[in-house]
Amino acid sequence: MTVAQLDIIAGWAALVLTLMVFSYLIRDNFLYRIAVHILIGAAAAYAAIAAMADVIVPWLNATVLAEEGDAEAAVRALGLLPVVLALLLILKLLPRYAYIGNFTMLIVIGVGAGVALVGAVIGTIIPLIRQIGDIAETEETLNTVVVVTG
């Protein structure tokens, strides 16, 4: 197929999917649900492919699959750590062994909370403190006290 043919097919697919989404204006129907499922599936597939190509494969190539002279045993062990944690997380699906995956959930939640906390401090709190310092240099004492108290 040529590029022009693929563009025509993509254009028709976009038209059909757009009409399927607009069919929701009439009422919730089967065509709308199919369009939403296609959108969610395409987004999930894109996220999985991007994660594999940009994160997982480079990580494994730099650690586990590196040449003998390039990586030491500690680096290889570090490369296997996410694989082991993923396998432990899969055990959460089995009720009998679900408690084993709790450690991995602890790590996931802890890392997520840490990233959120650092983002809030760097993105919000530190700029606010800098602005308070700028106000203290230019405004009166009473205004500075009100801003700092607030």
N, C-alpha and C. Protein backbone atom coordinates (compact mmCIF):
# COMPACT_ATOMS: atom_id res chain seq x y z
N MET A 1 0.83 -1.19 0.00
CA MET A 1 0.00 0.00 0.00
C MET A 1 0.87 1.25 0.00
N THR A 2 0.40 2.23 -0.69
CA THR A 2 1.13 3.48 -0.72
C THR A 2 0.67 4.37 0.44
N VAL A 3 1.40 5.45 0.62
CA VAL A 3 1.08 6.38 1.69
C VAL A 3 -0.28 7.03 1.43
N ALA A 4 -0.57 7.32 0.18
CA ALA A 4 -1.84 7.95 -0.16
C ALA A 4 -3.01 7.03 0.17
N GLN A 5 -2.85 5.75 -0.11
CA GLN A 5 -3.92 4.80 0.20
C GLN A 5 -4.12 4.68 1.71
N LEU A 6 -3.03 4.66 2.47
CA LEU A 6 -3.14 4.60 3.92
C LEU A 6 -3.79 5.86 4.48
N ASP A 7 -3.50 7.02 3.88
CA ASP A 7 -4.14 8.26 4.31
C ASP A 7 -5.64 8.23 4.06
N ILE A 8 -6.05 7.67 2.92
CA ILE A 8 -7.48 7.57 2.61
C ILE A 8 -8.17 6.63 3.60
N ILE A 9 -7.54 5.50 3.90
CA ILE A 9 -8.12 4.54 4.86
C ILE A 9 -8.21 5.18 6.24
N ALA A 10 -7.16 5.89 6.66
CA ALA A 10 -7.17 6.54 7.97
C ALA A 10 -8.24 7.63 8.02
N GLY A 11 -8.43 8.36 6.94
CA GLY A 11 -9.46 9.38 6.90
C GLY A 11 -10.86 8.80 7.03
N TRP A 12 -11.12 7.71 6.32
CA TRP A 12 -12.43 7.05 6.43
C TRP A 12 -12.64 6.48 7.83
N ALA A 13 -11.60 5.90 8.40
CA ALA A 13 -11.72 5.36 9.76
C ALA A 13 -12.02 6.48 10.75
N ALA A 14 -11.35 7.63 10.58
CA ALA A 14 -11.59 8.77 11.46
C ALA A 14 -13.02 9.28 11.30
N LEU A 15 -13.51 9.33 10.06
CA LEU A 15 -14.88 9.77 9.81
C LEU A 15 -15.89 8.84 10.48
N VAL A 16 -15.70 7.53 10.29
CA VAL A 16 -16.63 6.56 10.87
C VAL A 16 -16.59 6.62 12.40
N LEU A 17 -15.41 6.69 12.98
CA LEU A 17 -15.31 6.75 14.44
C LEU A 17 -15.91 8.04 14.98
N THR A 18 -15.72 9.15 14.27
CA THR A 18 -16.32 10.41 14.70
C THR A 18 -17.84 10.33 14.68
N LEU A 19 -18.40 9.76 13.64
CA LEU A 19 -19.85 9.59 13.58
C LEU A 19 -20.34 8.65 14.67
N MET A 20 -19.55 7.63 14.98
CA MET A 20 -19.93 6.71 16.05
C MET A 20 -19.96 7.43 17.40
N VAL A 21 -19.00 8.33 17.62
CA VAL A 21 -18.99 9.09 18.87
C VAL A 21 -20.16 10.07 18.89
N PHE A 22 -20.42 10.73 17.77
CA PHE A 22 -21.54 11.68 17.72
C PHE A 22 -22.89 10.99 17.85
N SER A 23 -22.96 9.68 17.62
CA SER A 23 -24.23 8.98 17.78
C SER A 23 -24.68 8.98 19.24
N TYR A 24 -23.79 9.33 20.15
CA TYR A 24 -24.16 9.44 21.57
C TYR A 24 -25.15 10.58 21.79
N LEU A 25 -25.15 11.56 20.89
CA LEU A 25 -26.10 12.68 21.02
C LEU A 25 -27.54 12.20 20.92
N ILE A 26 -27.76 11.14 20.16
CA ILE A 26 -29.11 10.57 20.06
C ILE A 26 -29.46 9.86 21.35
N ARG A 27 -28.62 8.93 21.75
CA ARG A 27 -28.73 8.22 23.02
C ARG A 27 -27.52 7.30 23.15
N ASP A 28 -27.30 6.78 24.35
CA ASP A 28 -26.21 5.83 24.57
C ASP A 28 -26.51 4.58 23.76
N ASN A 29 -25.59 4.22 22.86
CA ASN A 29 -25.87 3.08 21.99
C ASN A 29 -24.63 2.24 21.78
N PHE A 30 -24.81 1.18 21.04
CA PHE A 30 -23.76 0.20 20.79
C PHE A 30 -22.60 0.81 20.00
N LEU A 31 -22.89 1.65 19.00
CA LEU A 31 -21.84 2.23 18.17
C LEU A 31 -20.92 3.13 19.00
N TYR A 32 -21.51 3.91 19.91
CA TYR A 32 -20.71 4.77 20.77
C TYR A 32 -19.79 3.94 21.65
N ARG A 33 -20.32 2.88 22.23
CA ARG A 33 -19.50 2.04 23.11
C ARG A 33 -18.36 1.39 22.35
N ILE A 34 -18.61 0.97 21.11
CA ILE A 34 -17.53 0.39 20.30
C ILE A 34 -16.43 1.43 20.06
N ALA A 35 -16.82 2.67 19.73
CA ALA A 35 -15.84 3.74 19.48
C ALA A 35 -15.01 4.02 20.74
N VAL A 36 -15.67 4.03 21.90
CA VAL A 36 -14.95 4.27 23.15
C VAL A 36 -13.99 3.13 23.44
N HIS A 37 -14.42 1.90 23.21
CA HIS A 37 -13.54 0.75 23.44
C HIS A 37 -12.33 0.78 22.51
N ILE A 38 -12.55 1.19 21.26
CA ILE A 38 -11.43 1.30 20.32
C ILE A 38 -10.45 2.38 20.79
N LEU A 39 -10.98 3.52 21.25
CA LEU A 39 -10.11 4.59 21.76
C LEU A 39 -9.30 4.13 22.95
N ILE A 40 -9.94 3.47 23.90
CA ILE A 40 -9.23 3.01 25.10
C ILE A 40 -8.20 1.94 24.74
N GLY A 41 -8.57 1.04 23.85
CA GLY A 41 -7.63 0.00 23.42
C GLY A 41 -6.42 0.57 22.70
N ALA A 42 -6.67 1.54 21.84
CA ALA A 42 -5.55 2.16 21.12
C ALA A 42 -4.64 2.92 22.07
N ALA A 43 -5.22 3.62 23.05
CA ALA A 43 -4.40 4.36 24.02
C ALA A 43 -3.59 3.40 24.89
N ALA A 44 -4.21 2.30 25.31
CA ALA A 44 -3.48 1.32 26.13
C ALA A 44 -2.37 0.66 25.33
N ALA A 45 -2.64 0.34 24.07
CA ALA A 45 -1.60 -0.27 23.23
C ALA A 45 -0.45 0.70 23.00
N TYR A 46 -0.76 1.97 22.76
CA TYR A 46 0.29 2.97 22.56
C TYR A 46 1.13 3.11 23.82
N ALA A 47 0.48 3.16 24.99
CA ALA A 47 1.22 3.30 26.25
C ALA A 47 2.11 2.09 26.48
N ALA A 48 1.61 0.90 26.19
CA ALA A 48 2.41 -0.32 26.39
C ALA A 48 3.61 -0.35 25.44
N ILE A 49 3.40 0.01 24.19
CA ILE A 49 4.49 0.01 23.22
C ILE A 49 5.53 1.08 23.58
N ALA A 50 5.06 2.26 23.97
CA ALA A 50 5.99 3.32 24.35
C ALA A 50 6.78 2.93 25.59
N ALA A 51 6.14 2.30 26.56
CA ALA A 51 6.85 1.87 27.76
C ALA A 51 7.89 0.81 27.43
N MET A 52 7.53 -0.12 26.58
CA MET A 52 8.49 -1.16 26.21
C MET A 52 9.68 -0.57 25.45
N ALA A 53 9.40 0.28 24.46
CA ALA A 53 10.46 0.80 23.61
C ALA A 53 11.34 1.83 24.30
N ASP A 54 10.76 2.66 25.16
CA ASP A 54 11.51 3.77 25.74
C ASP A 54 12.01 3.52 27.15
N VAL A 55 11.44 2.54 27.86
CA VAL A 55 11.83 2.34 29.26
C VAL A 55 12.36 0.93 29.49
N ILE A 56 11.55 -0.07 29.23
CA ILE A 56 11.89 -1.44 29.63
C ILE A 56 13.06 -2.01 28.83
N VAL A 57 12.98 -1.94 27.51
CA VAL A 57 14.06 -2.52 26.69
C VAL A 57 15.40 -1.81 26.93
N PRO A 58 15.46 -0.46 26.97
CA PRO A 58 16.75 0.17 27.28
C PRO A 58 17.27 -0.20 28.67
N TRP A 59 16.38 -0.33 29.66
CA TRP A 59 16.79 -0.73 31.00
C TRP A 59 17.41 -2.12 30.97
N LEU A 60 16.75 -3.06 30.33
CA LEU A 60 17.29 -4.42 30.27
C LEU A 60 18.58 -4.47 29.47
N ASN A 61 18.68 -3.71 28.39
CA ASN A 61 19.91 -3.70 27.60
C ASN A 61 21.08 -3.11 28.39
N ALA A 62 20.81 -2.14 29.24
CA ALA A 62 21.89 -1.50 30.00
C ALA A 62 22.28 -2.31 31.23
N THR A 63 21.40 -3.18 31.71
CA THR A 63 21.71 -3.91 32.94
C THR A 63 21.84 -5.40 32.70
N VAL A 64 20.75 -6.08 32.47
CA VAL A 64 20.75 -7.54 32.41
C VAL A 64 21.44 -8.07 31.16
N LEU A 65 21.19 -7.46 30.01
CA LEU A 65 21.72 -7.97 28.75
C LEU A 65 23.01 -7.29 28.31
N ALA A 66 23.65 -6.54 29.20
CA ALA A 66 24.89 -5.85 28.85
C ALA A 66 26.02 -6.85 28.67
N GLU A 67 27.04 -6.43 27.95
CA GLU A 67 28.21 -7.27 27.73
C GLU A 67 28.91 -7.56 29.06
N GLU A 68 29.70 -8.58 29.11
CA GLU A 68 30.38 -9.00 30.34
C GLU A 68 31.21 -7.88 30.95
N GLY A 69 31.95 -7.17 30.16
CA GLY A 69 32.83 -6.13 30.68
C GLY A 69 32.09 -4.84 31.03
N ASP A 70 30.89 -4.67 30.47
CA ASP A 70 30.17 -3.41 30.67
C ASP A 70 29.44 -3.34 32.00
N ALA A 71 28.96 -4.48 32.50
CA ALA A 71 28.13 -4.46 33.71
C ALA A 71 28.67 -5.43 34.74
N GLU A 72 28.69 -4.97 35.98
CA GLU A 72 29.12 -5.83 37.08
C GLU A 72 27.92 -6.63 37.58
N ALA A 73 28.18 -7.51 38.52
CA ALA A 73 27.11 -8.35 39.06
C ALA A 73 26.06 -7.52 39.79
N ALA A 74 26.48 -6.45 40.47
CA ALA A 74 25.52 -5.60 41.19
C ALA A 74 24.59 -4.89 40.21
N VAL A 75 25.11 -4.47 39.07
CA VAL A 75 24.28 -3.79 38.08
C VAL A 75 23.28 -4.77 37.48
N ARG A 76 23.70 -6.01 37.24
CA ARG A 76 22.79 -7.03 36.71
C ARG A 76 21.70 -7.35 37.72
N ALA A 77 22.07 -7.43 38.99
CA ALA A 77 21.07 -7.68 40.03
C ALA A 77 20.07 -6.54 40.12
N LEU A 78 20.57 -5.32 40.00
CA LEU A 78 19.68 -4.16 40.00
C LEU A 78 18.74 -4.20 38.80
N GLY A 79 19.22 -4.69 37.68
CA GLY A 79 18.39 -4.81 36.49
C GLY A 79 17.30 -5.85 36.64
N LEU A 80 17.55 -6.88 37.43
CA LEU A 80 16.54 -7.92 37.64
C LEU A 80 15.52 -7.55 38.71
N LEU A 81 15.81 -6.55 39.52
CA LEU A 81 14.91 -6.17 40.60
C LEU A 81 13.50 -5.83 40.12
N PRO A 82 13.31 -5.00 39.08
CA PRO A 82 11.95 -4.74 38.62
C PRO A 82 11.23 -5.98 38.11
N VAL A 83 11.98 -6.90 37.50
CA VAL A 83 11.37 -8.15 37.02
C VAL A 83 10.87 -8.97 38.19
N VAL A 84 11.67 -9.07 39.24
CA VAL A 84 11.26 -9.83 40.44
C VAL A 84 10.05 -9.17 41.09
N LEU A 85 10.07 -7.84 41.20
CA LEU A 85 8.93 -7.14 41.79
C LEU A 85 7.66 -7.32 40.96
N ALA A 86 7.79 -7.33 39.64
CA ALA A 86 6.62 -7.56 38.78
C ALA A 86 6.07 -8.96 38.97
N LEU A 87 6.95 -9.93 39.10
CA LEU A 87 6.48 -11.30 39.35
C LEU A 87 5.79 -11.41 40.71
N LEU A 88 6.32 -10.73 41.71
CA LEU A 88 5.66 -10.72 43.02
C LEU A 88 4.30 -10.03 42.94
N LEU A 89 4.19 -9.01 42.12
CA LEU A 89 2.92 -8.31 41.96
C LEU A 89 1.89 -9.20 41.27
N ILE A 90 2.33 -10.04 40.37
CA ILE A 90 1.42 -10.96 39.70
C ILE A 90 0.83 -11.95 40.71
N LEU A 91 1.57 -12.26 41.76
CA LEU A 91 1.05 -13.16 42.79
C LEU A 91 -0.17 -12.59 43.51
N LYS A 92 -0.41 -11.28 43.39
CA LYS A 92 -1.62 -10.68 43.99
C LYS A 92 -2.88 -11.26 43.36
N LEU A 93 -2.77 -11.85 42.17
CA LEU A 93 -3.93 -12.44 41.51
C LEU A 93 -4.35 -13.76 42.15
N LEU A 94 -3.44 -14.41 42.83
CA LEU A 94 -3.73 -15.69 43.48
C LEU A 94 -4.06 -15.43 44.95
N PRO A 95 -5.28 -15.71 45.38
CA PRO A 95 -5.67 -15.37 46.76
C PRO A 95 -4.77 -16.02 47.81
N ARG A 96 -4.31 -17.23 47.56
CA ARG A 96 -3.50 -17.94 48.55
C ARG A 96 -2.14 -17.27 48.75
N TYR A 97 -1.59 -16.67 47.69
CA TYR A 97 -0.26 -16.06 47.76
C TYR A 97 -0.30 -14.54 47.62
N ALA A 98 -1.47 -13.94 47.77
CA ALA A 98 -1.62 -12.50 47.55
C ALA A 98 -0.78 -11.68 48.53
N TYR A 99 -0.58 -12.18 49.74
CA TYR A 99 0.19 -11.43 50.74
C TYR A 99 1.63 -11.20 50.30
N ILE A 100 2.16 -12.05 49.44
CA ILE A 100 3.55 -11.89 48.98
C ILE A 100 3.68 -10.63 48.13
N GLY A 101 2.64 -10.29 47.38
CA GLY A 101 2.68 -9.11 46.53
C GLY A 101 2.51 -7.80 47.28
N ASN A 102 2.19 -7.88 48.58
CA ASN A 102 1.99 -6.66 49.36
C ASN A 102 3.26 -5.82 49.44
N PHE A 103 4.42 -6.46 49.47
CA PHE A 103 5.68 -5.73 49.51
C PHE A 103 5.85 -4.88 48.26
N THR A 104 5.50 -5.44 47.11
CA THR A 104 5.61 -4.68 45.87
C THR A 104 4.62 -3.52 45.87
N MET A 105 3.42 -3.74 46.38
CA MET A 105 2.44 -2.65 46.47
C MET A 105 2.96 -1.55 47.39
N LEU A 106 3.64 -1.95 48.45
CA LEU A 106 4.22 -0.97 49.36
C LEU A 106 5.23 -0.09 48.62
N ILE A 107 6.06 -0.70 47.81
CA ILE A 107 7.05 0.05 47.05
C ILE A 107 6.37 0.96 46.03
N VAL A 108 5.36 0.46 45.32
CA VAL A 108 4.66 1.26 44.32
C VAL A 108 4.00 2.48 44.96
N ILE A 109 3.31 2.27 46.07
CA ILE A 109 2.63 3.37 46.75
C ILE A 109 3.65 4.35 47.35
N GLY A 110 4.73 3.84 47.92
CA GLY A 110 5.75 4.71 48.49
C GLY A 110 6.43 5.56 47.44
N VAL A 111 6.76 4.97 46.30
CA VAL A 111 7.39 5.74 45.23
C VAL A 111 6.41 6.77 44.68
N GLY A 112 5.15 6.39 44.50
CA GLY A 112 4.14 7.33 44.01
C GLY A 112 3.96 8.50 44.96
N ALA A 113 3.90 8.21 46.27
CA ALA A 113 3.75 9.29 47.26
C ALA A 113 4.99 10.18 47.28
N GLY A 114 6.16 9.58 47.16
CA GLY A 114 7.40 10.37 47.14
C GLY A 114 7.46 11.28 45.93
N VAL A 115 7.09 10.77 44.77
CA VAL A 115 7.11 11.59 43.56
C VAL A 115 6.10 12.73 43.68
N ALA A 116 4.91 12.43 44.21
CA ALA A 116 3.90 13.48 44.38
C ALA A 116 4.37 14.53 45.38
N LEU A 117 5.00 14.11 46.46
CA LEU A 117 5.47 15.05 47.47
C LEU A 117 6.58 15.95 46.92
N VAL A 118 7.53 15.36 46.23
CA VAL A 118 8.61 16.16 45.64
C VAL A 118 8.06 17.12 44.60
N GLY A 119 7.10 16.65 43.79
CA GLY A 119 6.50 17.53 42.80
C GLY A 119 5.77 18.70 43.44
N ALA A 120 5.06 18.43 44.54
CA ALA A 120 4.35 19.52 45.22
C ALA A 120 5.32 20.51 45.83
N VAL A 121 6.39 20.02 46.43
CA VAL A 121 7.36 20.92 47.07
C VAL A 121 8.08 21.75 46.01
N ILE A 122 8.59 21.11 44.97
CA ILE A 122 9.36 21.83 43.96
C ILE A 122 8.46 22.72 43.10
N GLY A 123 7.26 22.24 42.78
CA GLY A 123 6.41 22.99 41.86
C GLY A 123 5.53 24.03 42.52
N THR A 124 5.25 23.90 43.82
CA THR A 124 4.31 24.81 44.45
C THR A 124 4.91 25.55 45.63
N ILE A 125 5.43 24.81 46.59
CA ILE A 125 5.85 25.43 47.85
C ILE A 125 7.08 26.32 47.66
N ILE A 126 8.09 25.83 46.97
CA ILE A 126 9.30 26.63 46.78
C ILE A 126 9.02 27.90 45.98
N PRO A 127 8.25 27.87 44.88
CA PRO A 127 7.93 29.14 44.20
C PRO A 127 7.14 30.11 45.08
N LEU A 128 6.25 29.59 45.92
CA LEU A 128 5.51 30.48 46.82
C LEU A 128 6.43 31.15 47.83
N ILE A 129 7.38 30.40 48.36
CA ILE A 129 8.34 30.97 49.31
C ILE A 129 9.18 32.05 48.63
N ARG A 130 9.59 31.81 47.39
CA ARG A 130 10.35 32.82 46.65
C ARG A 130 9.53 34.09 46.43
N GLN A 131 8.25 33.92 46.12
CA GLN A 131 7.40 35.09 45.93
C GLN A 131 7.22 35.87 47.23
N ILE A 132 7.13 35.16 48.35
CA ILE A 132 7.02 35.85 49.63
C ILE A 132 8.29 36.66 49.90
N GLY A 133 9.43 36.09 49.54
CA GLY A 133 10.68 36.84 49.69
C GLY A 133 10.71 38.07 48.82
N ASP A 134 10.19 37.97 47.59
CA ASP A 134 10.14 39.14 46.71
C ASP A 134 9.20 40.20 47.27
N ILE A 135 8.08 39.79 47.84
CA ILE A 135 7.13 40.74 48.43
C ILE A 135 7.77 41.42 49.64
N ALA A 136 8.49 40.65 50.44
CA ALA A 136 9.12 41.22 51.64
C ALA A 136 10.13 42.30 51.28
N GLU A 137 10.77 42.18 50.13
CA GLU A 137 11.76 43.18 49.72
C GLU A 137 11.11 44.47 49.24
N THR A 138 9.91 44.37 48.67
CA THR A 138 9.31 45.55 48.03
C THR A 138 8.15 46.16 48.80
N GLU A 139 7.49 45.44 49.65
CA GLU A 139 6.29 45.94 50.32
C GLU A 139 6.59 46.42 51.74
N GLU A 140 5.54 46.94 52.36
CA GLU A 140 5.65 47.40 53.74
C GLU A 140 5.70 46.21 54.70
N THR A 141 6.04 46.49 55.92
CA THR A 141 6.15 45.45 56.94
C THR A 141 4.81 44.80 57.22
N LEU A 142 3.74 45.59 57.30
CA LEU A 142 2.42 45.03 57.59
C LEU A 142 1.97 44.07 56.49
N ASN A 143 2.17 44.45 55.24
CA ASN A 143 1.81 43.55 54.13
C ASN A 143 2.62 42.27 54.18
N THR A 144 3.89 42.36 54.49
CA THR A 144 4.73 41.17 54.58
C THR A 144 4.25 40.24 55.67
N VAL A 145 3.88 40.77 56.83
CA VAL A 145 3.38 39.97 57.93
C VAL A 145 2.08 39.27 57.54
N VAL A 146 1.19 40.00 56.85
CA VAL A 146 -0.08 39.40 56.42
C VAL A 146 0.17 38.27 55.43
N VAL A 147 1.07 38.45 54.46
CA VAL A 147 1.35 37.43 53.46
C VAL A 147 1.98 36.21 54.11
N VAL A 148 2.96 36.41 54.97
CA VAL A 148 3.63 35.28 55.63
C VAL A 148 2.65 34.53 56.53
N THR A 149 1.79 35.24 57.24
CA THR A 149 0.81 34.60 58.11
C THR A 149 -0.19 33.79 57.28
N GLY A 150 -0.56 34.35 56.12
CA GLY A 150 -1.50 33.63 55.26
C GLY A 150 -0.89 32.39 54.70
